[in-house]
Amino acid sequence: MGTSTIDGTIESAVLKRARRNVRQYESIVFRLADGGTKTWTRAVVEAKVAERLLPGTSGRFYLFTAIDHRGIHGVRDDKGNEAFGFARVNETAMLWVTALAFVWVALTLYFAGDVPIIGTLILILGLPAWFLYRKTRLEAVRQFQADSGFHPAAAPGAPATA
């Protein structure tokens, strides 16, 4: 789990599904400065970042890897535009699942005098999972903010801007 960056140009971005504020891409292919390519598969992207993931877009792309998914949380393109957004669906879901498991275990303990095994396992695994999702999001925020002075060079063959 962690964050990284790719400097390059998007060759293709194949959208798999769009739901509410989250987009999932089947694949995004980047052309790197050295002529090679890098493919980022099954990427989860927040909608305002996804608007910038169009073929031909050049710049720096900010990536993350979480427990069970990975994605792109920011873009700074060669035209001076930037976008940041981190899809928090899994983080929020883990918080709710953990809270509901706690209520389930507490009520079962109170009324039946016993603890449910599955509820206890969910509680034991849910809280650390929430912390890991949160840690990844905070790391992504720090990465994007720390790189705020970065301005990508114009793509080769692109007209210079003043």
Protein backbone atom coordinates (compact mmCIF):
# COMPACT_ATOMS: atom_id res chain seq x y z
CA MET A 1 0.00 0.00 0.00
CA GLY A 2 1.21 3.45 -0.80
CA THR A 3 1.44 6.19 -3.35
CA SER A 4 3.49 6.82 -6.46
CA THR A 5 3.56 9.02 -9.55
CA ILE A 6 3.74 8.57 -13.30
CA ASP A 7 4.97 11.32 -15.61
CA GLY A 8 3.68 10.73 -19.10
CA THR A 9 0.80 10.93 -21.57
CA ILE A 10 -2.41 8.92 -21.48
CA GLU A 11 -2.68 6.73 -24.56
CA SER A 12 -5.97 5.09 -23.64
CA ALA A 13 -8.41 5.02 -20.76
CA VAL A 14 -11.08 2.30 -20.84
CA LEU A 15 -13.94 3.11 -18.46
CA LYS A 16 -15.60 0.04 -16.99
CA ARG A 17 -18.30 1.65 -14.84
CA ALA A 18 -19.40 4.93 -13.34
CA ARG A 19 -21.37 5.09 -10.11
CA ARG A 20 -22.16 8.28 -8.27
CA ASN A 21 -18.84 9.99 -7.66
CA VAL A 22 -16.56 7.03 -8.47
CA ARG A 23 -15.27 5.73 -11.79
CA GLN A 24 -13.65 2.36 -12.32
CA TYR A 25 -11.34 1.93 -15.29
CA GLU A 26 -10.58 -1.40 -16.88
CA SER A 27 -7.19 -0.03 -17.88
CA ILE A 28 -5.30 3.21 -18.36
CA VAL A 29 -2.21 3.13 -20.57
CA PHE A 30 0.48 5.78 -20.07
CA ARG A 31 3.21 6.60 -22.60
CA LEU A 32 6.38 7.42 -20.64
CA ALA A 33 9.07 9.91 -21.67
CA ASP A 34 11.49 7.09 -22.53
CA GLY A 35 8.98 5.70 -25.06
CA GLY A 36 7.86 2.80 -22.88
CA THR A 37 4.35 2.28 -21.58
CA LYS A 38 2.84 1.59 -18.19
CA THR A 39 -0.63 0.12 -17.79
CA TRP A 40 -2.66 0.71 -14.65
CA THR A 41 -5.52 -1.83 -14.50
CA ARG A 42 -8.74 -1.79 -12.49
CA ALA A 43 -8.15 1.78 -11.33
CA VAL A 44 -10.66 3.46 -9.02
CA VAL A 45 -10.89 7.22 -9.61
CA GLU A 46 -12.97 10.01 -8.09
CA ALA A 47 -15.14 11.81 -10.69
CA LYS A 48 -13.32 15.17 -10.76
CA VAL A 49 -10.00 13.41 -11.38
CA ALA A 50 -11.59 11.12 -13.99
CA GLU A 51 -12.60 14.21 -16.02
CA ARG A 52 -8.87 14.78 -16.67
CA LEU A 53 -8.05 11.20 -17.68
CA LEU A 54 -8.52 11.62 -21.40
CA PRO A 55 -6.29 10.20 -24.11
CA GLY A 56 -3.65 12.79 -25.03
CA THR A 57 -3.48 14.33 -21.55
CA SER A 58 0.15 14.79 -20.50
CA GLY A 59 1.45 15.53 -17.04
CA ARG A 60 1.96 13.92 -13.66
CA PHE A 61 -0.52 11.35 -12.44
CA TYR A 62 -0.72 10.48 -8.74
CA LEU A 63 -1.46 6.83 -7.99
CA PHE A 64 -2.33 4.87 -4.86
CA THR A 65 -2.58 1.25 -3.84
CA ALA A 66 -4.89 0.28 -0.96
CA ILE A 67 -5.75 -3.08 0.63
CA ASP A 68 -7.99 -4.37 -2.14
CA HIS A 69 -7.92 -1.75 -4.87
CA ARG A 70 -5.78 0.87 -6.50
CA GLY A 71 -6.41 4.03 -8.38
CA ILE A 72 -5.47 7.56 -9.33
CA HIS A 73 -6.05 10.34 -6.83
CA GLY A 74 -4.62 13.35 -8.63
CA VAL A 75 -3.53 14.89 -11.91
CA ARG A 76 -1.38 17.89 -12.79
CA ASP A 77 -1.42 18.33 -16.55
CA ASP A 78 0.93 20.26 -18.83
CA LYS A 79 -1.69 22.99 -19.33
CA GLY A 80 -1.53 23.98 -15.66
CA ASN A 81 -4.77 22.24 -14.64
CA GLU A 82 -4.90 20.06 -11.57
CA ALA A 83 -7.45 17.86 -9.87
CA PHE A 84 -7.42 15.90 -6.64
CA GLY A 85 -9.98 13.49 -5.29
CA PHE A 86 -9.75 10.29 -3.32
CA ALA A 87 -12.59 7.78 -3.53
CA ARG A 88 -13.50 7.09 0.11
CA VAL A 89 -16.14 4.42 -0.48
CA ASN A 90 -14.20 1.55 1.11
CA GLU A 91 -13.01 3.67 4.02
CA THR A 92 -16.56 4.74 4.84
CA ALA A 93 -17.89 1.21 4.36
CA MET A 94 -15.35 -0.20 6.82
CA LEU A 95 -16.34 2.37 9.41
CA TRP A 96 -20.02 1.46 9.06
CA VAL A 97 -19.36 -2.29 9.04
CA THR A 98 -17.23 -1.99 12.17
CA ALA A 99 -19.87 0.11 13.95
CA LEU A 100 -22.65 -2.34 13.03
CA ALA A 101 -20.52 -5.31 14.12
CA PHE A 102 -19.91 -3.59 17.46
CA VAL A 103 -23.67 -3.07 17.97
CA TRP A 104 -24.34 -6.68 16.94
CA VAL A 105 -21.76 -8.07 19.37
CA ALA A 106 -22.91 -5.79 22.20
CA LEU A 107 -26.59 -6.63 21.78
CA THR A 108 -25.93 -10.36 21.46
CA LEU A 109 -23.74 -10.27 24.55
CA TYR A 110 -26.38 -8.33 26.49
CA PHE A 111 -29.44 -10.37 25.45
CA ALA A 112 -27.96 -13.85 24.89
CA GLY A 113 -24.96 -13.69 27.19
CA ASP A 114 -22.71 -14.88 24.37
CA VAL A 115 -20.75 -13.31 21.52
CA PRO A 116 -21.35 -14.11 17.85
CA ILE A 117 -18.24 -15.51 16.20
CA ILE A 118 -18.78 -13.83 12.82
CA GLY A 119 -19.65 -10.48 14.42
CA THR A 120 -16.52 -10.65 16.55
CA LEU A 121 -14.34 -11.51 13.52
CA ILE A 122 -15.82 -8.60 11.57
CA LEU A 123 -15.14 -6.30 14.49
CA ILE A 124 -11.56 -7.56 14.85
CA LEU A 125 -10.80 -7.18 11.12
CA GLY A 126 -12.93 -4.11 10.36
CA LEU A 127 -11.21 -1.59 12.57
CA PRO A 128 -7.66 -2.25 11.30
CA ALA A 129 -8.97 -2.22 7.71
CA TRP A 130 -10.53 1.21 8.32
CA PHE A 131 -7.23 2.51 9.71
CA LEU A 132 -5.34 1.19 6.67
CA TYR A 133 -7.79 2.79 4.20
CA ARG A 134 -7.58 6.07 6.14
CA LYS A 135 -3.76 5.89 6.21
CA THR A 136 -3.65 5.45 2.42
CA ARG A 137 -6.01 8.43 1.91
CA LEU A 138 -3.98 10.68 4.21
CA GLU A 139 -0.76 9.61 2.49
CA ALA A 140 -2.33 10.51 -0.88
CA VAL A 141 -3.34 13.95 0.41
CA ARG A 142 0.17 14.59 1.75
CA GLN A 143 1.76 13.41 -1.50
CA PHE A 144 -0.38 15.71 -3.66
CA GLN A 145 0.10 18.72 -1.37
CA ALA A 146 3.86 18.18 -1.06
CA ASP A 147 4.16 18.21 -4.85
CA SER A 148 2.16 21.44 -5.26
CA GLY A 149 5.07 23.28 -6.87
CA PHE A 150 5.35 20.74 -9.69
CA HIS A 151 4.45 21.97 -13.19
CA PRO A 152 4.84 19.40 -15.97
CA ALA A 153 6.66 20.41 -19.10
CA ALA A 154 4.61 20.62 -22.26
CA ALA A 155 4.29 17.37 -24.17
CA PRO A 156 6.65 17.00 -27.15
CA GLY A 157 5.11 18.66 -30.21
CA ALA A 158 2.65 20.68 -28.12
CA PRO A 159 2.53 24.46 -28.63
CA ALA A 160 4.27 26.50 -25.97
CA THR A 161 2.05 28.49 -23.62
CA ALA A 162 2.88 31.85 -22.16
